[in-house]
Amino acid sequence: MEECYKALGDKTRLRILALLRTEELCVCELTDILDMSQPAISQHLRKLKTAKLVKEQRKGQWMFYSLDGSLYPFLEANLLALPDLGQEIEKLKASGRKVCCD
């Protein structure tokens, strides 16, 4: 439980969770949306994965991330309180960069 609270204590990780609430994303999509380096995003995802807040699934050479709130039933209500960042994913799709990992 302590790892969960530590992971939730960072603004970037909260933004990642808000994005993953909309749909699963790969690291390159998160780097585009959040305008951060791949190593920085990977570090945040590692902490979220350690806290069992996200899960990963390999598709070809790409790793996709999605929410894994099964361990923390309270997480759903907390995520609903975060801003909806779905429009950021829509901008990525409109720019043609959403398909980089398909």
PDB file of N, CA and C in Angstrom:
ATOM      1  N   MET A   1       0.825  -1.185   0.000  1.00  0.00           N
ATOM      2  CA  MET A   1       0.000   0.000   0.000  1.00  0.00           C
ATOM      3  C   MET A   1       0.874   1.255   0.000  1.00  0.00           C
ATOM      4  N   GLU A   2       2.009   1.191   0.696  1.00  0.00           N
ATOM      5  CA  GLU A   2       2.913   2.338   0.754  1.00  0.00           C
ATOM      6  C   GLU A   2       3.424   2.708  -0.640  1.00  0.00           C
ATOM      7  N   GLU A   3       3.763   1.685  -1.448  1.00  0.00           N
ATOM      8  CA  GLU A   3       4.237   1.937  -2.816  1.00  0.00           C
ATOM      9  C   GLU A   3       3.162   2.637  -3.641  1.00  0.00           C
ATOM     10  N   CYS A   4       1.924   2.276  -3.408  1.00  0.00           N
ATOM     11  CA  CYS A   4       0.811   2.903  -4.124  1.00  0.00           C
ATOM     12  C   CYS A   4       0.754   4.390  -3.819  1.00  0.00           C
ATOM     13  N   TYR A   5       0.799   4.745  -2.552  1.00  0.00           N
ATOM     14  CA  TYR A   5       0.726   6.154  -2.171  1.00  0.00           C
ATOM     15  C   TYR A   5       1.938   6.936  -2.663  1.00  0.00           C
ATOM     16  N   LYS A   6       3.107   6.317  -2.643  1.00  0.00           N
ATOM     17  CA  LYS A   6       4.297   6.979  -3.173  1.00  0.00           C
ATOM     18  C   LYS A   6       4.124   7.255  -4.669  1.00  0.00           C
ATOM     19  N   ALA A   7       3.616   6.266  -5.379  1.00  0.00           N
ATOM     20  CA  ALA A   7       3.424   6.417  -6.824  1.00  0.00           C
ATOM     21  C   ALA A   7       2.399   7.500  -7.140  1.00  0.00           C
ATOM     22  N   LEU A   8       1.364   7.596  -6.329  1.00  0.00           N
ATOM     23  CA  LEU A   8       0.318   8.590  -6.561  1.00  0.00           C
ATOM     24  C   LEU A   8       0.750   9.994  -6.153  1.00  0.00           C
ATOM     25  N   GLY A   9       1.897  10.115  -5.507  1.00  0.00           N
ATOM     26  CA  GLY A   9       2.363  11.399  -5.003  1.00  0.00           C
ATOM     27  C   GLY A   9       3.126  12.237  -6.017  1.00  0.00           C
ATOM     28  N   ASP A  10       3.083  11.871  -7.284  1.00  0.00           N
ATOM     29  CA  ASP A  10       3.820  12.604  -8.306  1.00  0.00           C
ATOM     30  C   ASP A  10       2.862  13.053  -9.409  1.00  0.00           C
ATOM     31  N   LYS A  11       2.947  14.315  -9.793  1.00  0.00           N
ATOM     32  CA  LYS A  11       2.032  14.887 -10.786  1.00  0.00           C
ATOM     33  C   LYS A  11       2.130  14.177 -12.141  1.00  0.00           C
ATOM     34  N   THR A  12       3.342  13.856 -12.570  1.00  0.00           N
ATOM     35  CA  THR A  12       3.512  13.177 -13.860  1.00  0.00           C
ATOM     36  C   THR A  12       2.879  11.799 -13.833  1.00  0.00           C
ATOM     37  N   ARG A  13       3.071  11.066 -12.751  1.00  0.00           N
ATOM     38  CA  ARG A  13       2.472   9.731 -12.663  1.00  0.00           C
ATOM     39  C   ARG A  13       0.950   9.817 -12.617  1.00  0.00           C
ATOM     40  N   LEU A  14       0.420  10.844 -11.983  1.00  0.00           N
ATOM     41  CA  LEU A  14      -1.036  11.034 -11.992  1.00  0.00           C
ATOM     42  C   LEU A  14      -1.528  11.316 -13.407  1.00  0.00           C
ATOM     43  N   ARG A  15      -0.774  12.095 -14.166  1.00  0.00           N
ATOM     44  CA  ARG A  15      -1.154  12.368 -15.559  1.00  0.00           C
ATOM     45  C   ARG A  15      -1.103  11.087 -16.388  1.00  0.00           C
ATOM     46  N   ILE A  16      -0.097  10.257 -16.152  1.00  0.00           N
ATOM     47  CA  ILE A  16      -0.007   8.982 -16.869  1.00  0.00           C
ATOM     48  C   ILE A  16      -1.225   8.124 -16.551  1.00  0.00           C
ATOM     49  N   LEU A  17      -1.592   8.048 -15.284  1.00  0.00           N
ATOM     50  CA  LEU A  17      -2.773   7.265 -14.901  1.00  0.00           C
ATOM     51  C   LEU A  17      -4.031   7.826 -15.543  1.00  0.00           C
ATOM     52  N   ALA A  18      -4.146   9.147 -15.594  1.00  0.00           N
ATOM     53  CA  ALA A  18      -5.318   9.765 -16.221  1.00  0.00           C
ATOM     54  C   ALA A  18      -5.375   9.419 -17.710  1.00  0.00           C
ATOM     55  N   LEU A  19      -4.232   9.394 -18.373  1.00  0.00           N
ATOM     56  CA  LEU A  19      -4.192   9.019 -19.787  1.00  0.00           C
ATOM     57  C   LEU A  19      -4.544   7.549 -19.977  1.00  0.00           C
ATOM     58  N   LEU A  20      -4.005   6.698 -19.118  1.00  0.00           N
ATOM     59  CA  LEU A  20      -4.272   5.262 -19.237  1.00  0.00           C
ATOM     60  C   LEU A  20      -5.707   4.919 -18.865  1.00  0.00           C
ATOM     61  N   ARG A  21      -6.366   5.806 -18.155  1.00  0.00           N
ATOM     62  CA  ARG A  21      -7.786   5.606 -17.854  1.00  0.00           C
ATOM     63  C   ARG A  21      -8.595   5.607 -19.153  1.00  0.00           C
ATOM     64  N   THR A  22      -8.101   6.355 -20.157  1.00  0.00           N
ATOM     65  CA  THR A  22      -8.792   6.468 -21.437  1.00  0.00           C
ATOM     66  C   THR A  22      -8.552   5.248 -22.316  1.00  0.00           C
ATOM     67  N   GLU A  23      -7.287   4.844 -22.452  1.00  0.00           N
ATOM     68  CA  GLU A  23      -6.937   3.670 -23.264  1.00  0.00           C
ATOM     69  C   GLU A  23      -5.494   3.266 -22.996  1.00  0.00           C
ATOM     70  N   GLU A  24      -5.136   2.064 -23.440  1.00  0.00           N
ATOM     71  CA  GLU A  24      -3.755   1.626 -23.260  1.00  0.00           C
ATOM     72  C   GLU A  24      -2.871   2.401 -24.230  1.00  0.00           C
ATOM     73  N   LEU A  25      -1.658   2.672 -23.779  1.00  0.00           N
ATOM     74  CA  LEU A  25      -0.716   3.459 -24.572  1.00  0.00           C
ATOM     75  C   LEU A  25       0.676   2.858 -24.466  1.00  0.00           C
ATOM     76  N   CYS A  26       1.493   3.127 -25.473  1.00  0.00           N
ATOM     77  CA  CYS A  26       2.891   2.696 -25.401  1.00  0.00           C
ATOM     78  C   CYS A  26       3.746   3.874 -24.942  1.00  0.00           C
ATOM     79  N   VAL A  27       4.988   3.595 -24.642  1.00  0.00           N
ATOM     80  CA  VAL A  27       5.892   4.616 -24.118  1.00  0.00           C
ATOM     81  C   VAL A  27       6.043   5.770 -25.107  1.00  0.00           C
ATOM     82  N   CYS A  28       6.170   5.466 -26.395  1.00  0.00           N
ATOM     83  CA  CYS A  28       6.389   6.549 -27.367  1.00  0.00           C
ATOM     84  C   CYS A  28       5.186   7.485 -27.426  1.00  0.00           C
ATOM     85  N   GLU A  29       3.989   6.960 -27.240  1.00  0.00           N
ATOM     86  CA  GLU A  29       2.800   7.818 -27.215  1.00  0.00           C
ATOM     87  C   GLU A  29       2.807   8.704 -25.973  1.00  0.00           C
ATOM     88  N   LEU A  30       3.196   8.138 -24.849  1.00  0.00           N
ATOM     89  CA  LEU A  30       3.276   8.928 -23.618  1.00  0.00           C
ATOM     90  C   LEU A  30       4.352  10.004 -23.717  1.00  0.00           C
ATOM     91  N   THR A  31       5.473   9.701 -24.374  1.00  0.00           N
ATOM     92  CA  THR A  31       6.516  10.723 -24.527  1.00  0.00           C
ATOM     93  C   THR A  31       6.018  11.884 -25.374  1.00  0.00           C
ATOM     94  N   ASP A  32       5.263  11.589 -26.424  1.00  0.00           N
ATOM     95  CA  ASP A  32       4.707  12.652 -27.266  1.00  0.00           C
ATOM     96  C   ASP A  32       3.705  13.503 -26.502  1.00  0.00           C
ATOM     97  N   ILE A  33       2.790  12.869 -25.809  1.00  0.00           N
ATOM     98  CA  ILE A  33       1.733  13.599 -25.107  1.00  0.00           C
ATOM     99  C   ILE A  33       2.304  14.426 -23.962  1.00  0.00           C
ATOM    100  N   LEU A  34       3.199  13.838 -23.184  1.00  0.00           N
ATOM    101  CA  LEU A  34       3.722  14.513 -21.995  1.00  0.00           C
ATOM    102  C   LEU A  34       4.964  15.359 -22.276  1.00  0.00           C
ATOM    103  N   ASP A  35       5.480  15.258 -23.510  1.00  0.00           N
ATOM    104  CA  ASP A  35       6.668  16.008 -23.915  1.00  0.00           C
ATOM    105  C   ASP A  35       7.829  15.765 -22.942  1.00  0.00           C
ATOM    106  N   MET A  36       8.096  14.482 -22.733  1.00  0.00           N
ATOM    107  CA  MET A  36       9.185  14.061 -21.851  1.00  0.00           C
ATOM    108  C   MET A  36      10.021  13.020 -22.576  1.00  0.00           C
ATOM    109  N   SER A  37      11.214  12.772 -22.073  1.00  0.00           N
ATOM    110  CA  SER A  37      12.094  11.780 -22.687  1.00  0.00           C
ATOM    111  C   SER A  37      11.595  10.364 -22.398  1.00  0.00           C
ATOM    112  N   GLN A  38      12.011   9.445 -23.255  1.00  0.00           N
ATOM    113  CA  GLN A  38      11.628   8.043 -23.073  1.00  0.00           C
ATOM    114  C   GLN A  38      12.153   7.482 -21.759  1.00  0.00           C
ATOM    115  N   PRO A  39      13.417   7.768 -21.380  1.00  0.00           N
ATOM    116  CA  PRO A  39      13.884   7.247 -20.089  1.00  0.00           C
ATOM    117  C   PRO A  39      13.080   7.778 -18.897  1.00  0.00           C
ATOM    118  N   ALA A  40      12.674   9.040 -18.960  1.00  0.00           N
ATOM    119  CA  ALA A  40      11.889   9.615 -17.857  1.00  0.00           C
ATOM    120  C   ALA A  40      10.525   8.938 -17.758  1.00  0.00           C
ATOM    121  N   ILE A  41       9.869   8.743 -18.901  1.00  0.00           N
ATOM    122  CA  ILE A  41       8.563   8.070 -18.907  1.00  0.00           C
ATOM    123  C   ILE A  41       8.718   6.639 -18.408  1.00  0.00           C
ATOM    124  N   SER A  42       9.744   5.949 -18.871  1.00  0.00           N
ATOM    125  CA  SER A  42       9.969   4.561 -18.441  1.00  0.00           C
ATOM    126  C   SER A  42      10.185   4.470 -16.937  1.00  0.00           C
ATOM    127  N   GLN A  43      10.883   5.442 -16.381  1.00  0.00           N
ATOM    128  CA  GLN A  43      11.112   5.468 -14.927  1.00  0.00           C
ATOM    129  C   GLN A  43       9.783   5.610 -14.177  1.00  0.00           C
ATOM    130  N   HIS A  44       8.937   6.513 -14.648  1.00  0.00           N
ATOM    131  CA  HIS A  44       7.630   6.696 -14.011  1.00  0.00           C
ATOM    132  C   HIS A  44       6.782   5.427 -14.146  1.00  0.00           C
ATOM    133  N   LEU A  45       6.802   4.815 -15.323  1.00  0.00           N
ATOM    134  CA  LEU A  45       6.028   3.588 -15.529  1.00  0.00           C
ATOM    135  C   LEU A  45       6.540   2.459 -14.639  1.00  0.00           C
ATOM    136  N   ARG A  46       7.843   2.398 -14.442  1.00  0.00           N
ATOM    137  CA  ARG A  46       8.407   1.369 -13.558  1.00  0.00           C
ATOM    138  C   ARG A  46       7.862   1.522 -12.144  1.00  0.00           C
ATOM    139  N   LYS A  47       7.812   2.764 -11.666  1.00  0.00           N
ATOM    140  CA  LYS A  47       7.285   3.003 -10.320  1.00  0.00           C
ATOM    141  C   LYS A  47       5.803   2.665 -10.239  1.00  0.00           C
ATOM    142  N   LEU A  48       5.055   2.988 -11.278  1.00  0.00           N
ATOM    143  CA  LEU A  48       3.628   2.648 -11.294  1.00  0.00           C
ATOM    144  C   LEU A  48       3.428   1.132 -11.359  1.00  0.00           C
ATOM    145  N   LYS A  49       4.293   0.463 -12.100  1.00  0.00           N
ATOM    146  CA  LYS A  49       4.206  -0.998 -12.202  1.00  0.00           C
ATOM    147  C   LYS A  49       4.577  -1.653 -10.872  1.00  0.00           C
ATOM    148  N   THR A  50       5.615  -1.151 -10.213  1.00  0.00           N
ATOM    149  CA  THR A  50       6.017  -1.671  -8.905  1.00  0.00           C
ATOM    150  C   THR A  50       4.882  -1.524  -7.899  1.00  0.00           C
ATOM    151  N   ALA A  51       4.148  -0.426  -8.006  1.00  0.00           N
ATOM    152  CA  ALA A  51       3.016  -0.182  -7.107  1.00  0.00           C
ATOM    153  C   ALA A  51       1.766  -0.942  -7.544  1.00  0.00           C
ATOM    154  N   LYS A  52       1.887  -1.703  -8.636  1.00  0.00           N
ATOM    155  CA  LYS A  52       0.779  -2.492  -9.182  1.00  0.00           C
ATOM    156  C   LYS A  52      -0.407  -1.615  -9.605  1.00  0.00           C
ATOM    157  N   LEU A  53      -0.082  -0.431 -10.129  1.00  0.00           N
ATOM    158  CA  LEU A  53      -1.109   0.479 -10.634  1.00  0.00           C
ATOM    159  C   LEU A  53      -1.256   0.376 -12.143  1.00  0.00           C
ATOM    160  N   VAL A  54      -0.214  -0.108 -12.817  1.00  0.00           N
ATOM    161  CA  VAL A  54      -0.295  -0.336 -14.256  1.00  0.00           C
ATOM    162  C   VAL A  54       0.232  -1.730 -14.564  1.00  0.00           C
ATOM    163  N   LYS A  55      -0.203  -2.237 -15.686  1.00  0.00           N
ATOM    164  CA  LYS A  55       0.308  -3.520 -16.169  1.00  0.00           C
ATOM    165  C   LYS A  55       0.788  -3.311 -17.598  1.00  0.00           C
ATOM    166  N   GLU A  56       1.665  -4.198 -18.030  1.00  0.00           N
ATOM    167  CA  GLU A  56       2.223  -4.068 -19.374  1.00  0.00           C
ATOM    168  C   GLU A  56       1.905  -5.305 -20.190  1.00  0.00           C
ATOM    169  N   GLN A  57       1.836  -5.087 -21.501  1.00  0.00           N
ATOM    170  CA  GLN A  57       1.585  -6.187 -22.423  1.00  0.00           C
ATOM    171  C   GLN A  57       2.417  -5.946 -23.672  1.00  0.00           C
ATOM    172  N   ARG A  58       3.198  -6.947 -24.041  1.00  0.00           N
ATOM    173  CA  ARG A  58       4.034  -6.825 -25.234  1.00  0.00           C
ATOM    174  C   ARG A  58       3.190  -7.117 -26.469  1.00  0.00           C
ATOM    175  N   LYS A  59       3.333  -6.233 -27.465  1.00  0.00           N
ATOM    176  CA  LYS A  59       2.711  -6.423 -28.778  1.00  0.00           C
ATOM    177  C   LYS A  59       3.812  -6.213 -29.804  1.00  0.00           C
ATOM    178  N   GLY A  60       4.330  -7.326 -30.324  1.00  0.00           N
ATOM    179  CA  GLY A  60       5.479  -7.228 -31.220  1.00  0.00           C
ATOM    180  C   GLY A  60       6.683  -6.735 -30.445  1.00  0.00           C
ATOM    181  N   GLN A  61       7.311  -5.683 -30.949  1.00  0.00           N
ATOM    182  CA  GLN A  61       8.479  -5.135 -30.242  1.00  0.00           C
ATOM    183  C   GLN A  61       8.094  -4.038 -29.268  1.00  0.00           C
ATOM    184  N   TRP A  62       6.820  -3.709 -29.173  1.00  0.00           N
ATOM    185  CA  TRP A  62       6.363  -2.598 -28.340  1.00  0.00           C
ATOM    186  C   TRP A  62       5.720  -3.087 -27.053  1.00  0.00           C
ATOM    187  N   MET A  63       5.897  -2.303 -26.013  1.00  0.00           N
ATOM    188  CA  MET A  63       5.286  -2.585 -24.717  1.00  0.00           C
ATOM    189  C   MET A  63       4.163  -1.571 -24.505  1.00  0.00           C
ATOM    190  N   PHE A  64       2.952  -2.082 -24.281  1.00  0.00           N
ATOM    191  CA  PHE A  64       1.801  -1.223 -24.040  1.00  0.00           C
ATOM    192  C   PHE A  64       1.422  -1.291 -22.567  1.00  0.00           C
ATOM    193  N   TYR A  65       0.979  -0.168 -22.045  1.00  0.00           N
ATOM    194  CA  TYR A  65       0.632  -0.051 -20.628  1.00  0.00           C
ATOM    195  C   TYR A  65      -0.841   0.275 -20.478  1.00  0.00           C
ATOM    196  N   SER A  66      -1.440  -0.299 -19.440  1.00  0.00           N
ATOM    197  CA  SER A  66      -2.841  -0.029 -19.113  1.00  0.00           C
ATOM    198  C   SER A  66      -2.983  -0.043 -17.595  1.00  0.00           C
ATOM    199  N   LEU A  67      -4.122   0.429 -17.131  1.00  0.00           N
ATOM    200  CA  LEU A  67      -4.365   0.458 -15.687  1.00  0.00           C
ATOM    201  C   LEU A  67      -4.512  -0.946 -15.135  1.00  0.00           C
ATOM    202  N   ASP A  68      -4.053  -1.134 -13.927  1.00  0.00           N
ATOM    203  CA  ASP A  68      -4.237  -2.396 -13.212  1.00  0.00           C
ATOM    204  C   ASP A  68      -4.701  -2.052 -11.804  1.00  0.00           C
ATOM    205  N   GLY A  69      -5.958  -1.697 -11.691  1.00  0.00           N
ATOM    206  CA  GLY A  69      -6.484  -1.269 -10.404  1.00  0.00           C
ATOM    207  C   GLY A  69      -7.079  -2.387  -9.579  1.00  0.00           C
ATOM    208  N   SER A  70      -6.852  -3.629  -9.986  1.00  0.00           N
ATOM    209  CA  SER A  70      -7.488  -4.746  -9.288  1.00  0.00           C
ATOM    210  C   SER A  70      -7.083  -4.829  -7.821  1.00  0.00           C
ATOM    211  N   LEU A  71      -5.866  -4.406  -7.513  1.00  0.00           N
ATOM    212  CA  LEU A  71      -5.381  -4.486  -6.143  1.00  0.00           C
ATOM    213  C   LEU A  71      -5.952  -3.373  -5.269  1.00  0.00           C
ATOM    214  N   TYR A  72      -6.313  -2.273  -5.893  1.00  0.00           N
ATOM    215  CA  TYR A  72      -6.769  -1.099  -5.149  1.00  0.00           C
ATOM    216  C   TYR A  72      -8.154  -0.667  -5.626  1.00  0.00           C
ATOM    217  N   PRO A  73      -9.212  -1.200  -5.032  1.00  0.00           N
ATOM    218  CA  PRO A  73     -10.564  -0.854  -5.481  1.00  0.00           C
ATOM    219  C   PRO A  73     -10.868   0.637  -5.358  1.00  0.00           C
ATOM    220  N   PHE A  74     -10.217   1.313  -4.432  1.00  0.00           N
ATOM    221  CA  PHE A  74     -10.460   2.741  -4.243  1.00  0.00           C
ATOM    222  C   PHE A  74      -9.886   3.580  -5.389  1.00  0.00           C
ATOM    223  N   LEU A  75      -9.018   2.987  -6.187  1.00  0.00           N
ATOM    224  CA  LEU A  75      -8.339   3.735  -7.235  1.00  0.00           C
ATOM    225  C   LEU A  75      -9.315   4.288  -8.269  1.00  0.00           C
ATOM    226  N   GLU A  76     -10.323   3.531  -8.591  1.00  0.00           N
ATOM    227  CA  GLU A  76     -11.303   3.965  -9.600  1.00  0.00           C
ATOM    228  C   GLU A  76     -11.896   5.320  -9.251  1.00  0.00           C
ATOM    229  N   ALA A  77     -12.343   5.488  -8.023  1.00  0.00           N
ATOM    230  CA  ALA A  77     -12.937   6.761  -7.607  1.00  0.00           C
ATOM    231  C   ALA A  77     -11.910   7.886  -7.660  1.00  0.00           C
ATOM    232  N   ASN A  78     -10.685   7.607  -7.269  1.00  0.00           N
ATOM    233  CA  ASN A  78      -9.638   8.626  -7.313  1.00  0.00           C
ATOM    234  C   ASN A  78      -9.306   9.037  -8.744  1.00  0.00           C
ATOM    235  N   LEU A  79      -9.286   8.076  -9.657  1.00  0.00           N
ATOM    236  CA  LEU A  79      -8.985   8.396 -11.049  1.00  0.00           C
ATOM    237  C   LEU A  79     -10.082   9.242 -11.676  1.00  0.00           C
ATOM    238  N   LEU A  80     -11.309   9.027 -11.249  1.00  0.00           N
ATOM    239  CA  LEU A  80     -12.409   9.839 -11.776  1.00  0.00           C
ATOM    240  C   LEU A  80     -12.271  11.300 -11.370  1.00  0.00           C
ATOM    241  N   ALA A  81     -11.542  11.560 -10.301  1.00  0.00           N
ATOM    242  CA  ALA A  81     -11.331  12.937  -9.846  1.00  0.00           C
ATOM    243  C   ALA A  81     -10.241  13.649 -10.650  1.00  0.00           C
ATOM    244  N   LEU A  82      -9.445  12.893 -11.415  1.00  0.00           N
ATOM    245  CA  LEU A  82      -8.387  13.497 -12.227  1.00  0.00           C
ATOM    246  C   LEU A  82      -8.985  14.136 -13.474  1.00  0.00           C
ATOM    247  N   PRO A  83      -8.312  15.140 -14.017  1.00  0.00           N
ATOM    248  CA  PRO A  83      -8.807  15.759 -15.258  1.00  0.00           C
ATOM    249  C   PRO A  83      -8.841  14.739 -16.391  1.00  0.00           C
ATOM    250  N   ASP A  84      -9.814  14.876 -17.272  1.00  0.00           N
ATOM    251  CA  ASP A  84      -9.922  14.002 -18.435  1.00  0.00           C
ATOM    252  C   ASP A  84      -8.890  14.447 -19.465  1.00  0.00           C
ATOM    253  N   LEU A  85      -7.945  13.584 -19.777  1.00  0.00           N
ATOM    254  CA  LEU A  85      -6.894  13.906 -20.736  1.00  0.00           C
ATOM    255  C   LEU A  85      -7.119  13.209 -22.074  1.00  0.00           C
ATOM    256  N   GLY A  86      -8.335  12.735 -22.291  1.00  0.00           N
ATOM    257  CA  GLY A  86      -8.662  12.063 -23.547  1.00  0.00           C
ATOM    258  C   GLY A  86      -8.404  12.930 -24.763  1.00  0.00           C
ATOM    259  N   GLN A  87      -8.572  14.256 -24.617  1.00  0.00           N
ATOM    260  CA  GLN A  87      -8.333  15.157 -25.746  1.00  0.00           C
ATOM    261  C   GLN A  87      -6.869  15.140 -26.168  1.00  0.00           C
ATOM    262  N   GLU A  88      -5.968  14.856 -25.240  1.00  0.00           N
ATOM    263  CA  GLU A  88      -4.544  14.759 -25.587  1.00  0.00           C
ATOM    264  C   GLU A  88      -4.292  13.556 -26.493  1.00  0.00           C
ATOM    265  N   ILE A  89      -4.981  12.468 -26.231  1.00  0.00           N
ATOM    266  CA  ILE A  89      -4.857  11.276 -27.077  1.00  0.00           C
ATOM    267  C   ILE A  89      -5.466  11.559 -28.443  1.00  0.00           C
ATOM    268  N   GLU A  90      -6.583  12.281 -28.468  1.00  0.00           N
ATOM    269  CA  GLU A  90      -7.215  12.639 -29.740  1.00  0.00           C
ATOM    270  C   GLU A  90      -6.293  13.524 -30.579  1.00  0.00           C
ATOM    271  N   LYS A  91      -5.584  14.454 -29.945  1.00  0.00           N
ATOM    272  CA  LYS A  91      -4.617  15.295 -30.669  1.00  0.00           C
ATOM    273  C   LYS A  91      -3.512  14.431 -31.266  1.00  0.00           C
ATOM    274  N   LEU A  92      -3.064  13.440 -30.502  1.00  0.00           N
ATOM    275  CA  LEU A  92      -2.020  12.538 -30.980  1.00  0.00           C
ATOM    276  C   LEU A  92      -2.517  11.761 -32.195  1.00  0.00           C
ATOM    277  N   LYS A  93      -3.748  11.281 -32.135  1.00  0.00           N
ATOM    278  CA  LYS A  93      -4.333  10.558 -33.269  1.00  0.00           C
ATOM    279  C   LYS A  93      -4.448  11.471 -34.482  1.00  0.00           C
ATOM    280  N   ALA A  94      -4.911  12.707 -34.263  1.00  0.00           N
ATOM    281  CA  ALA A  94      -5.099  13.659 -35.361  1.00  0.00           C
ATOM    282  C   ALA A  94      -3.775  14.009 -36.036  1.00  0.00           C
ATOM    283  N   SER A  95      -2.697  13.999 -35.272  1.00  0.00           N
ATOM    284  CA  SER A  95      -1.381  14.329 -35.834  1.00  0.00           C
ATOM    285  C   SER A  95      -0.757  13.141 -36.567  1.00  0.00           C
ATOM    286  N   GLY A  96      -1.381  11.960 -36.453  1.00  0.00           N
ATOM    287  CA  GLY A  96      -0.860  10.771 -37.117  1.00  0.00           C
ATOM    288  C   GLY A  96       0.213  10.042 -36.339  1.00  0.00           C
ATOM    289  N   ARG A  97       0.483  10.470 -35.112  1.00  0.00           N
ATOM    290  CA  ARG A  97       1.541   9.839 -34.316  1.00  0.00           C
ATOM    291  C   ARG A  97       1.031   8.705 -33.443  1.00  0.00           C
ATOM    292  N   LYS A  98      -0.265   8.507 -33.357  1.00  0.00           N
ATOM    293  CA  LYS A  98      -0.835   7.445 -32.517  1.00  0.00           C
ATOM    294  C   LYS A  98      -0.477   6.066 -33.051  1.00  0.00           C
ATOM    295  N   VAL A  99      -0.260   5.957 -34.327  1.00  0.00           N
ATOM    296  CA  VAL A  99      -0.033   4.647 -34.942  1.00  0.00           C
ATOM    297  C   VAL A  99       1.434   4.221 -34.938  1.00  0.00           C
ATOM    298  N   CYS A 100       2.289   4.936 -34.227  1.00  0.00           N
ATOM    299  CA  CYS A 100       3.728   4.653 -34.289  1.00  0.00           C
ATOM    300  C   CYS A 100       4.073   3.243 -33.828  1.00  0.00           C
ATOM    301  N   CYS A 101       3.233   2.636 -33.027  1.00  0.00           N
ATOM    302  CA  CYS A 101       3.571   1.321 -32.465  1.00  0.00           C
ATOM    303  C   CYS A 101       2.684   0.201 -32.988  1.00  0.00           C
ATOM    304  N   ASP A 102       1.829   0.488 -33.917  1.00  0.00           N
ATOM    305  CA  ASP A 102       0.939  -0.562 -34.438  1.00  0.00           C
ATOM    306  C   ASP A 102       1.666  -1.461 -35.407  1.00  0.00           C
TER     307      ASP A 102
END
